[in-house]
């Protein structure tokens, strides 16, 4: 009786090990459908993987990934422009990679600029967000040739085109 129980226990342990081994060996691919993108994905509690846009998809383990950061760089007239995102992620919050399949990520441009208006007593605060096509939110700090651009200017006009107020956005 004891010998039979030992063999059954050993068989269960081996089956569990093999199931875990084959589960962790499943691979899929991630392809980013936008040029100039570098993306950091969380692939566990403490590890991250880097995925960049390019001609070939990147092979990764099949599982669900969550973004840590996105950086988009583009060149125009000899200048390099960069936007960064640290969330919220919109549709990219959970990126599922299935075994033997390619997950295509469509992110970045075309961008949508959304205004944010908040009122606290007589003080009105106006801001904006840069939103990518997957709903990911980019920071408003734009970097040109490695240097952060000054905060953008704003002008509020009425229906007739008369300037009601003007100023400059402030970071932070």
N, C-alpha and C. Protein backbone atom coordinates (compact mmCIF):
# COMPACT_ATOMS: atom_id res chain seq x y z
N UNK A 1 0.82 -1.19 0.00
CA UNK A 1 0.00 0.00 0.00
C UNK A 1 0.87 1.26 0.00
N UNK A 2 1.88 1.29 0.84
CA UNK A 2 2.73 2.45 0.91
C UNK A 2 3.49 2.65 -0.39
N UNK A 3 3.95 1.56 -0.99
CA UNK A 3 4.72 1.66 -2.23
C UNK A 3 3.84 2.24 -3.34
N UNK A 4 2.60 1.80 -3.41
CA UNK A 4 1.68 2.31 -4.42
C UNK A 4 1.41 3.81 -4.22
N UNK A 5 1.24 4.25 -2.98
CA UNK A 5 1.02 5.67 -2.69
C UNK A 5 2.24 6.51 -3.09
N UNK A 6 3.43 5.99 -2.88
CA UNK A 6 4.65 6.70 -3.26
C UNK A 6 4.70 6.87 -4.77
N UNK A 7 4.39 5.81 -5.53
CA UNK A 7 4.42 5.89 -6.99
C UNK A 7 3.35 6.86 -7.53
N UNK A 8 2.20 6.86 -6.91
CA UNK A 8 1.15 7.79 -7.32
C UNK A 8 1.59 9.22 -7.05
N UNK A 9 2.20 9.46 -5.90
CA UNK A 9 2.69 10.81 -5.56
C UNK A 9 3.76 11.26 -6.54
N UNK A 10 4.68 10.37 -6.88
CA UNK A 10 5.74 10.70 -7.84
C UNK A 10 5.14 11.02 -9.20
N UNK A 11 4.15 10.24 -9.64
CA UNK A 11 3.50 10.46 -10.93
C UNK A 11 2.79 11.82 -10.96
N UNK A 12 2.14 12.20 -9.86
CA UNK A 12 1.45 13.49 -9.79
C UNK A 12 2.46 14.64 -9.84
N UNK A 13 3.57 14.50 -9.13
CA UNK A 13 4.61 15.54 -9.15
C UNK A 13 5.20 15.69 -10.54
N UNK A 14 5.48 14.59 -11.22
CA UNK A 14 6.03 14.65 -12.57
C UNK A 14 5.03 15.28 -13.54
N UNK A 15 3.76 14.91 -13.43
CA UNK A 15 2.74 15.48 -14.31
C UNK A 15 2.61 16.99 -14.08
N UNK A 16 2.65 17.41 -12.82
CA UNK A 16 2.57 18.85 -12.52
C UNK A 16 3.78 19.59 -13.07
N UNK A 17 4.95 19.01 -12.92
CA UNK A 17 6.17 19.63 -13.45
C UNK A 17 6.10 19.76 -14.97
N UNK A 18 5.68 18.71 -15.65
CA UNK A 18 5.58 18.75 -17.11
C UNK A 18 4.54 19.78 -17.57
N UNK A 19 3.41 19.83 -16.89
CA UNK A 19 2.38 20.80 -17.25
C UNK A 19 2.91 22.23 -17.08
N UNK A 20 3.60 22.48 -15.98
CA UNK A 20 4.18 23.80 -15.75
C UNK A 20 5.24 24.11 -16.80
N UNK A 21 6.07 23.14 -17.11
CA UNK A 21 7.13 23.33 -18.10
C UNK A 21 6.56 23.68 -19.47
N UNK A 22 5.55 22.95 -19.93
CA UNK A 22 4.97 23.23 -21.25
C UNK A 22 4.17 24.53 -21.24
N UNK A 23 3.56 24.87 -20.14
CA UNK A 23 2.82 26.13 -20.05
C UNK A 23 3.76 27.32 -20.17
N UNK A 24 4.91 27.27 -19.50
CA UNK A 24 5.85 28.39 -19.55
C UNK A 24 6.63 28.43 -20.85
N UNK A 25 6.61 27.38 -21.64
CA UNK A 25 7.33 27.34 -22.91
C UNK A 25 6.50 27.85 -24.08
N UNK A 26 5.26 28.18 -23.87
CA UNK A 26 4.43 28.69 -24.96
C UNK A 26 4.92 30.09 -25.34
N UNK A 27 5.01 30.34 -26.64
CA UNK A 27 5.50 31.62 -27.11
C UNK A 27 4.55 32.24 -28.12
N UNK A 28 4.52 33.53 -28.11
CA UNK A 28 3.77 34.30 -29.09
C UNK A 28 4.64 35.46 -29.53
N UNK A 29 4.06 36.38 -30.27
CA UNK A 29 4.82 37.52 -30.79
C UNK A 29 4.05 38.82 -30.56
N UNK A 30 4.80 39.90 -30.42
CA UNK A 30 4.23 41.24 -30.31
C UNK A 30 4.81 42.07 -31.44
N UNK A 31 3.93 42.74 -32.17
CA UNK A 31 4.35 43.66 -33.22
C UNK A 31 3.71 45.00 -32.94
N UNK A 32 4.53 46.05 -32.94
CA UNK A 32 4.02 47.41 -32.76
C UNK A 32 3.88 48.02 -34.14
N UNK A 33 2.67 48.49 -34.44
CA UNK A 33 2.31 48.96 -35.78
C UNK A 33 2.58 50.45 -35.98
N UNK A 34 3.47 51.03 -35.18
CA UNK A 34 3.81 52.45 -35.29
C UNK A 34 5.33 52.57 -35.27
N UNK A 35 5.89 53.35 -36.18
CA UNK A 35 7.34 53.52 -36.23
C UNK A 35 7.84 54.35 -35.05
N UNK A 36 9.07 54.06 -34.62
CA UNK A 36 9.74 54.85 -33.59
C UNK A 36 9.27 54.63 -32.18
N UNK A 37 8.65 53.46 -31.89
CA UNK A 37 8.10 53.21 -30.56
C UNK A 37 9.01 52.27 -29.78
N UNK A 38 9.24 52.61 -28.52
CA UNK A 38 9.89 51.71 -27.57
C UNK A 38 8.94 51.56 -26.40
N UNK A 39 8.66 50.30 -26.03
CA UNK A 39 7.68 50.04 -24.99
C UNK A 39 8.29 49.11 -23.96
N UNK A 40 8.11 49.44 -22.68
CA UNK A 40 8.53 48.57 -21.59
C UNK A 40 7.28 47.87 -21.07
N UNK A 41 7.32 46.54 -21.03
CA UNK A 41 6.18 45.75 -20.55
C UNK A 41 6.57 45.02 -19.28
N UNK A 42 5.65 45.00 -18.33
CA UNK A 42 5.82 44.23 -17.11
C UNK A 42 5.54 42.77 -17.43
N UNK A 43 6.51 41.91 -17.14
CA UNK A 43 6.32 40.49 -17.46
C UNK A 43 6.37 39.62 -16.22
N UNK A 44 6.05 40.16 -15.12
CA UNK A 44 6.05 39.45 -13.84
C UNK A 44 6.14 40.48 -12.74
N UNK A 45 6.41 40.02 -11.54
CA UNK A 45 6.47 40.95 -10.41
C UNK A 45 7.65 41.90 -10.52
N UNK A 46 8.81 41.38 -10.95
CA UNK A 46 10.01 42.20 -10.91
C UNK A 46 10.70 42.36 -12.26
N UNK A 47 10.21 41.72 -13.30
CA UNK A 47 10.93 41.78 -14.57
C UNK A 47 10.14 42.54 -15.62
N UNK A 48 10.88 43.13 -16.54
CA UNK A 48 10.28 43.85 -17.67
C UNK A 48 10.96 43.39 -18.95
N UNK A 49 10.24 43.56 -20.05
CA UNK A 49 10.83 43.30 -21.35
C UNK A 49 10.68 44.56 -22.19
N UNK A 50 11.58 44.75 -23.12
CA UNK A 50 11.56 45.91 -24.00
C UNK A 50 11.13 45.46 -25.39
N UNK A 51 10.13 46.14 -25.93
CA UNK A 51 9.63 45.84 -27.27
C UNK A 51 9.75 47.12 -28.09
N UNK A 52 10.34 47.00 -29.26
CA UNK A 52 10.47 48.16 -30.14
C UNK A 52 9.78 47.87 -31.46
N UNK A 53 9.34 48.93 -32.11
CA UNK A 53 8.72 48.75 -33.42
C UNK A 53 9.81 48.42 -34.42
N UNK A 54 9.46 47.64 -35.39
CA UNK A 54 10.41 47.24 -36.42
C UNK A 54 9.73 46.34 -37.42
N UNK A 55 10.52 45.83 -38.34
CA UNK A 55 9.97 44.99 -39.41
C UNK A 55 9.50 43.64 -38.87
N UNK A 56 10.21 43.09 -37.89
CA UNK A 56 9.89 41.76 -37.37
C UNK A 56 9.23 41.85 -36.00
N UNK A 57 8.24 41.00 -35.73
CA UNK A 57 7.65 40.95 -34.39
C UNK A 57 8.67 40.41 -33.37
N UNK A 58 8.48 40.75 -32.11
CA UNK A 58 9.34 40.29 -31.02
C UNK A 58 8.70 39.06 -30.40
N UNK A 59 9.49 37.99 -30.23
CA UNK A 59 9.00 36.75 -29.62
C UNK A 59 9.07 36.87 -28.11
N UNK A 60 7.94 36.57 -27.44
CA UNK A 60 7.83 36.64 -25.99
C UNK A 60 7.06 35.42 -25.50
N UNK A 61 7.06 35.19 -24.19
CA UNK A 61 6.25 34.12 -23.62
C UNK A 61 4.77 34.48 -23.75
N UNK A 62 3.95 33.47 -23.98
CA UNK A 62 2.51 33.69 -24.09
C UNK A 62 1.94 33.93 -22.69
N UNK A 63 1.39 35.12 -22.49
CA UNK A 63 0.79 35.50 -21.21
C UNK A 63 0.18 36.90 -21.35
N UNK A 64 -0.27 37.45 -20.26
CA UNK A 64 -0.81 38.82 -20.26
C UNK A 64 0.28 39.76 -19.75
N UNK A 65 0.49 40.83 -20.49
CA UNK A 65 1.49 41.84 -20.13
C UNK A 65 0.79 43.14 -19.80
N UNK A 66 1.46 43.96 -19.00
CA UNK A 66 0.96 45.29 -18.66
C UNK A 66 2.08 46.30 -18.95
N UNK A 67 1.74 47.42 -19.59
CA UNK A 67 2.77 48.41 -19.92
C UNK A 67 3.35 49.09 -18.68
N UNK A 68 4.61 49.46 -18.76
CA UNK A 68 5.27 50.31 -17.76
C UNK A 68 5.50 51.69 -18.35
N UNK A 69 5.93 51.73 -19.61
CA UNK A 69 6.17 53.02 -20.26
C UNK A 69 6.15 52.85 -21.77
N UNK A 70 5.85 53.95 -22.45
CA UNK A 70 5.89 54.00 -23.91
C UNK A 70 6.64 55.27 -24.28
N UNK A 71 7.53 55.16 -25.23
CA UNK A 71 8.25 56.31 -25.74
C UNK A 71 8.14 56.30 -27.26
N UNK A 72 7.70 57.40 -27.83
CA UNK A 72 7.57 57.52 -29.29
C UNK A 72 8.50 58.62 -29.75
N UNK A 73 9.36 58.28 -30.70
CA UNK A 73 10.29 59.26 -31.27
C UNK A 73 10.09 59.31 -32.78
N UNK A 74 10.14 60.51 -33.32
CA UNK A 74 10.03 60.69 -34.76
C UNK A 74 10.98 61.80 -35.19
N UNK A 75 11.46 61.69 -36.41
CA UNK A 75 12.35 62.72 -36.96
C UNK A 75 11.58 63.54 -37.98
N UNK A 76 11.80 64.85 -37.91
CA UNK A 76 11.15 65.76 -38.84
C UNK A 76 12.07 66.96 -39.06
N UNK A 77 12.43 67.20 -40.32
CA UNK A 77 13.31 68.32 -40.69
C UNK A 77 14.61 68.32 -39.89
N UNK A 78 15.18 67.14 -39.65
CA UNK A 78 16.45 67.03 -38.93
C UNK A 78 16.31 67.08 -37.42
N UNK A 79 15.12 67.28 -36.90
CA UNK A 79 14.89 67.32 -35.45
C UNK A 79 14.28 66.00 -35.00
N UNK A 80 14.61 65.58 -33.77
CA UNK A 80 14.02 64.39 -33.17
C UNK A 80 13.03 64.82 -32.10
N UNK A 81 11.79 64.39 -32.25
CA UNK A 81 10.71 64.72 -31.32
C UNK A 81 10.37 63.47 -30.52
N UNK A 82 10.10 63.61 -29.21
CA UNK A 82 9.79 62.46 -28.37
C UNK A 82 8.64 62.78 -27.43
N UNK A 83 7.72 61.82 -27.32
CA UNK A 83 6.61 61.86 -26.35
C UNK A 83 6.71 60.60 -25.49
N UNK A 84 6.39 60.74 -24.21
CA UNK A 84 6.43 59.60 -23.30
C UNK A 84 5.09 59.40 -22.61
N UNK A 85 4.81 58.15 -22.30
CA UNK A 85 3.58 57.82 -21.57
C UNK A 85 3.92 56.90 -20.41
N UNK A 86 3.31 57.18 -19.26
CA UNK A 86 3.43 56.32 -18.09
C UNK A 86 2.04 55.94 -17.59
N UNK A 87 1.04 56.04 -18.48
CA UNK A 87 -0.32 55.66 -18.17
C UNK A 87 -1.17 56.89 -17.91
N UNK A 88 -2.47 56.71 -17.79
CA UNK A 88 -3.26 55.50 -17.97
C UNK A 88 -3.16 54.97 -19.40
N UNK A 89 -3.50 53.69 -19.58
CA UNK A 89 -3.17 52.96 -20.79
C UNK A 89 -4.31 52.72 -21.75
N UNK A 90 -5.53 53.00 -21.38
CA UNK A 90 -6.65 52.75 -22.30
C UNK A 90 -6.74 51.27 -22.66
N UNK A 91 -6.83 50.95 -23.96
CA UNK A 91 -6.96 49.56 -24.41
C UNK A 91 -5.69 48.75 -24.20
N UNK A 92 -4.58 49.41 -23.89
CA UNK A 92 -3.31 48.71 -23.70
C UNK A 92 -3.09 48.24 -22.26
N UNK A 93 -4.08 48.44 -21.38
CA UNK A 93 -3.92 48.09 -19.97
C UNK A 93 -3.56 46.62 -19.78
N UNK A 94 -4.13 45.75 -20.60
CA UNK A 94 -3.81 44.32 -20.58
C UNK A 94 -3.54 43.88 -22.00
N UNK A 95 -2.31 43.44 -22.24
CA UNK A 95 -1.92 42.98 -23.57
C UNK A 95 -1.78 41.47 -23.51
N UNK A 96 -2.72 40.77 -24.15
CA UNK A 96 -2.73 39.31 -24.12
C UNK A 96 -1.98 38.78 -25.33
N UNK A 97 -0.97 37.95 -25.07
CA UNK A 97 -0.21 37.28 -26.12
C UNK A 97 -0.54 35.80 -26.04
N UNK A 98 -1.13 35.27 -27.12
CA UNK A 98 -1.52 33.86 -27.17
C UNK A 98 -0.43 33.03 -27.84
N UNK A 99 -0.43 31.73 -27.54
CA UNK A 99 0.55 30.80 -28.09
C UNK A 99 0.48 30.77 -29.61
N UNK A 100 1.64 30.89 -30.27
CA UNK A 100 1.78 30.83 -31.73
C UNK A 100 0.97 31.88 -32.48
N UNK A 101 0.68 33.01 -31.83
CA UNK A 101 -0.05 34.09 -32.49
C UNK A 101 0.73 35.39 -32.35
N UNK A 102 0.46 36.33 -33.26
CA UNK A 102 1.08 37.65 -33.21
C UNK A 102 0.05 38.66 -32.75
N UNK A 103 0.35 39.36 -31.67
CA UNK A 103 -0.49 40.43 -31.16
C UNK A 103 0.02 41.73 -31.75
N UNK A 104 -0.82 42.43 -32.51
CA UNK A 104 -0.43 43.68 -33.14
C UNK A 104 -0.97 44.84 -32.29
N UNK A 105 -0.06 45.74 -31.89
CA UNK A 105 -0.44 46.88 -31.07
C UNK A 105 -0.49 48.13 -31.94
N UNK A 106 -1.64 48.78 -31.95
CA UNK A 106 -1.81 50.05 -32.67
C UNK A 106 -1.89 51.13 -31.61
N UNK A 107 -0.84 51.94 -31.54
CA UNK A 107 -0.79 52.99 -30.53
C UNK A 107 -0.15 54.23 -31.13
N UNK A 108 -0.16 55.30 -30.35
CA UNK A 108 0.46 56.54 -30.81
C UNK A 108 -0.42 57.32 -31.76
N UNK A 109 0.20 57.94 -32.80
CA UNK A 109 -0.56 58.80 -33.71
C UNK A 109 -1.59 58.01 -34.51
N UNK A 110 -2.67 58.64 -34.91
CA UNK A 110 -2.98 60.06 -34.73
C UNK A 110 -3.38 60.36 -33.29
N UNK A 111 -2.90 61.49 -32.80
CA UNK A 111 -3.17 61.89 -31.42
C UNK A 111 -4.43 62.75 -31.37
N UNK A 112 -5.10 62.70 -30.23
CA UNK A 112 -6.24 63.55 -29.94
C UNK A 112 -5.86 64.43 -28.76
N UNK A 113 -6.11 65.71 -28.86
CA UNK A 113 -5.85 66.63 -27.76
C UNK A 113 -7.18 66.86 -27.05
N UNK A 114 -7.23 66.50 -25.77
CA UNK A 114 -8.45 66.68 -24.98
C UNK A 114 -8.21 67.74 -23.92
N UNK A 115 -9.11 68.68 -23.84
CA UNK A 115 -8.99 69.73 -22.83
C UNK A 115 -9.55 69.25 -21.50
N UNK A 116 -9.00 69.80 -20.42
CA UNK A 116 -9.48 69.53 -19.06
C UNK A 116 -9.71 70.88 -18.39
N UNK A 117 -10.90 71.09 -17.90
CA UNK A 117 -11.24 72.34 -17.23
C UNK A 117 -11.75 72.00 -15.84
N UNK A 118 -11.19 72.68 -14.84
CA UNK A 118 -11.64 72.48 -13.46
C UNK A 118 -11.84 73.85 -12.82
N UNK A 119 -12.86 73.94 -11.99
CA UNK A 119 -13.14 75.20 -11.32
C UNK A 119 -13.12 74.98 -9.83
N UNK A 120 -12.41 75.86 -9.12
CA UNK A 120 -12.37 75.84 -7.66
C UNK A 120 -12.63 77.26 -7.18
N UNK A 121 -13.86 77.52 -6.81
CA UNK A 121 -14.25 78.88 -6.43
C UNK A 121 -14.22 79.78 -7.66
N UNK A 122 -13.45 80.87 -7.58
CA UNK A 122 -13.35 81.78 -8.72
C UNK A 122 -12.17 81.43 -9.63
N UNK A 123 -11.39 80.43 -9.25
CA UNK A 123 -10.22 80.03 -10.03
C UNK A 123 -10.60 78.93 -11.02
N UNK A 124 -10.28 79.14 -12.28
CA UNK A 124 -10.54 78.15 -13.32
C UNK A 124 -9.20 77.66 -13.83
N UNK A 125 -9.04 76.36 -13.84
CA UNK A 125 -7.81 75.74 -14.32
C UNK A 125 -8.09 75.04 -15.65
N UNK A 126 -7.28 75.35 -16.66
CA UNK A 126 -7.45 74.75 -17.98
C UNK A 126 -6.19 73.96 -18.29
N UNK A 127 -6.35 72.71 -18.69
CA UNK A 127 -5.23 71.86 -19.06
C UNK A 127 -5.58 71.02 -20.26
N UNK A 128 -4.68 70.16 -20.66
CA UNK A 128 -4.98 69.28 -21.78
C UNK A 128 -4.22 67.97 -21.64
N UNK A 129 -4.70 66.97 -22.38
CA UNK A 129 -4.07 65.66 -22.44
C UNK A 129 -3.83 65.30 -23.89
N UNK A 130 -2.76 64.56 -24.14
CA UNK A 130 -2.47 64.03 -25.46
C UNK A 130 -2.80 62.54 -25.41
N UNK A 131 -3.80 62.13 -26.21
CA UNK A 131 -4.30 60.76 -26.17
C UNK A 131 -3.95 60.06 -27.48
N UNK A 132 -3.37 58.86 -27.39
CA UNK A 132 -3.04 58.06 -28.56
C UNK A 132 -4.23 57.26 -29.04
N UNK A 133 -4.08 56.58 -30.18
CA UNK A 133 -5.21 55.88 -30.79
C UNK A 133 -5.71 54.68 -29.99
N UNK A 134 -4.94 54.16 -29.04
CA UNK A 134 -5.41 53.07 -28.19
C UNK A 134 -5.95 53.60 -26.87
N UNK A 135 -6.04 54.93 -26.74
CA UNK A 135 -6.55 55.53 -25.51
C UNK A 135 -5.46 55.77 -24.48
N UNK A 136 -4.18 55.55 -24.85
CA UNK A 136 -3.08 55.77 -23.91
C UNK A 136 -2.82 57.26 -23.77
N UNK A 137 -2.51 57.68 -22.56
CA UNK A 137 -2.35 59.09 -22.23
C UNK A 137 -0.87 59.45 -22.19
N UNK A 138 -0.45 60.39 -23.04
CA UNK A 138 0.94 60.82 -23.09
C UNK A 138 1.10 62.09 -22.27
N UNK A 139 2.26 62.24 -21.68
CA UNK A 139 2.55 63.46 -20.93
C UNK A 139 2.63 64.64 -21.88
N UNK A 140 2.35 65.81 -21.38
CA UNK A 140 2.35 67.00 -22.24
C UNK A 140 3.76 67.55 -22.43
N UNK A 141 4.73 66.97 -21.76
CA UNK A 141 6.12 67.42 -21.93
C UNK A 141 6.68 66.83 -23.21
N UNK A 142 6.86 67.66 -24.20
CA UNK A 142 7.40 67.24 -25.48
C UNK A 142 8.90 67.54 -25.48
N UNK A 143 9.68 66.57 -25.97
CA UNK A 143 11.13 66.72 -26.01
C UNK A 143 11.56 66.85 -27.46
N UNK A 144 12.34 67.89 -27.75
CA UNK A 144 12.87 68.11 -29.09
C UNK A 144 14.39 68.11 -29.00
N UNK A 145 15.02 67.19 -29.72
CA UNK A 145 16.49 67.05 -29.72
C UNK A 145 17.06 66.93 -28.30
N UNK A 146 16.36 66.17 -27.44
CA UNK A 146 16.83 65.91 -26.09
C UNK A 146 16.53 67.00 -25.09
N UNK A 147 15.87 68.07 -25.50
CA UNK A 147 15.54 69.17 -24.59
C UNK A 147 14.04 69.35 -24.52
N UNK A 148 13.53 69.54 -23.30
CA UNK A 148 12.10 69.75 -23.12
C UNK A 148 11.70 71.11 -23.66
N UNK A 149 10.62 71.14 -24.42
CA UNK A 149 10.10 72.40 -24.96
C UNK A 149 9.44 73.20 -23.85
N UNK A 150 9.40 74.52 -23.99
CA UNK A 150 8.68 75.33 -22.99
C UNK A 150 7.18 74.99 -23.04
N UNK A 151 6.51 75.30 -21.95
CA UNK A 151 5.07 75.02 -21.89
C UNK A 151 4.35 75.77 -23.00
N UNK A 152 3.32 75.15 -23.60
CA UNK A 152 2.60 75.80 -24.70
C UNK A 152 1.80 77.02 -24.22
N UNK A 153 1.52 77.90 -25.17
CA UNK A 153 0.72 79.09 -24.89
C UNK A 153 -0.74 78.78 -25.16
N UNK A 154 -1.62 79.57 -24.55
CA UNK A 154 -3.05 79.38 -24.73
C UNK A 154 -3.72 80.75 -24.89
N UNK A 155 -4.75 80.77 -25.74
CA UNK A 155 -5.53 81.99 -25.92
C UNK A 155 -6.99 81.57 -25.93
N UNK A 156 -7.80 82.24 -25.11
CA UNK A 156 -9.23 81.94 -25.05
C UNK A 156 -9.96 83.07 -25.77
N UNK A 157 -10.75 82.69 -26.79
CA UNK A 157 -11.46 83.68 -27.60
C UNK A 157 -12.96 83.40 -27.54
N UNK A 158 -13.76 84.44 -27.76
CA UNK A 158 -15.21 84.25 -27.83
C UNK A 158 -15.62 83.95 -29.26
N UNK A 159 -16.94 83.86 -29.50
CA UNK A 159 -17.46 83.50 -30.81
C UNK A 159 -17.07 84.51 -31.89
N UNK A 160 -16.90 85.76 -31.52
CA UNK A 160 -16.56 86.81 -32.48
C UNK A 160 -15.05 86.87 -32.76
N UNK A 161 -14.27 86.09 -32.02
CA UNK A 161 -12.83 86.09 -32.23
C UNK A 161 -12.08 87.04 -31.32
N UNK A 162 -12.79 87.69 -30.38
CA UNK A 162 -12.16 88.62 -29.44
C UNK A 162 -11.44 87.81 -28.36
N UNK A 163 -10.19 88.18 -28.06
CA UNK A 163 -9.41 87.48 -27.04
C UNK A 163 -9.93 87.82 -25.65
N UNK A 164 -10.36 86.80 -24.92
CA UNK A 164 -10.86 86.98 -23.56
C UNK A 164 -9.73 86.87 -22.54
N UNK A 165 -8.81 85.94 -22.77
CA UNK A 165 -7.69 85.74 -21.87
C UNK A 165 -6.58 85.02 -22.64
N UNK A 166 -5.36 85.23 -22.22
CA UNK A 166 -4.25 84.51 -22.83
C UNK A 166 -3.24 84.22 -21.75
N UNK A 167 -2.41 83.27 -22.00
CA UNK A 167 -1.40 82.90 -21.00
C UNK A 167 -0.57 81.74 -21.48
N UNK A 168 0.02 81.07 -20.55
CA UNK A 168 0.92 79.98 -20.86
C UNK A 168 0.60 78.84 -19.91
N UNK A 169 0.59 77.61 -20.41
CA UNK A 169 0.41 76.46 -19.54
C UNK A 169 1.64 76.34 -18.66
N UNK A 170 1.48 75.70 -17.51
CA UNK A 170 2.60 75.47 -16.60
C UNK A 170 2.71 73.97 -16.36
N UNK A 171 3.92 73.46 -16.36
CA UNK A 171 4.13 72.04 -16.05
C UNK A 171 3.92 71.81 -14.57
N UNK A 172 3.31 70.65 -14.25
CA UNK A 172 3.13 70.29 -12.86
C UNK A 172 1.80 70.68 -12.42
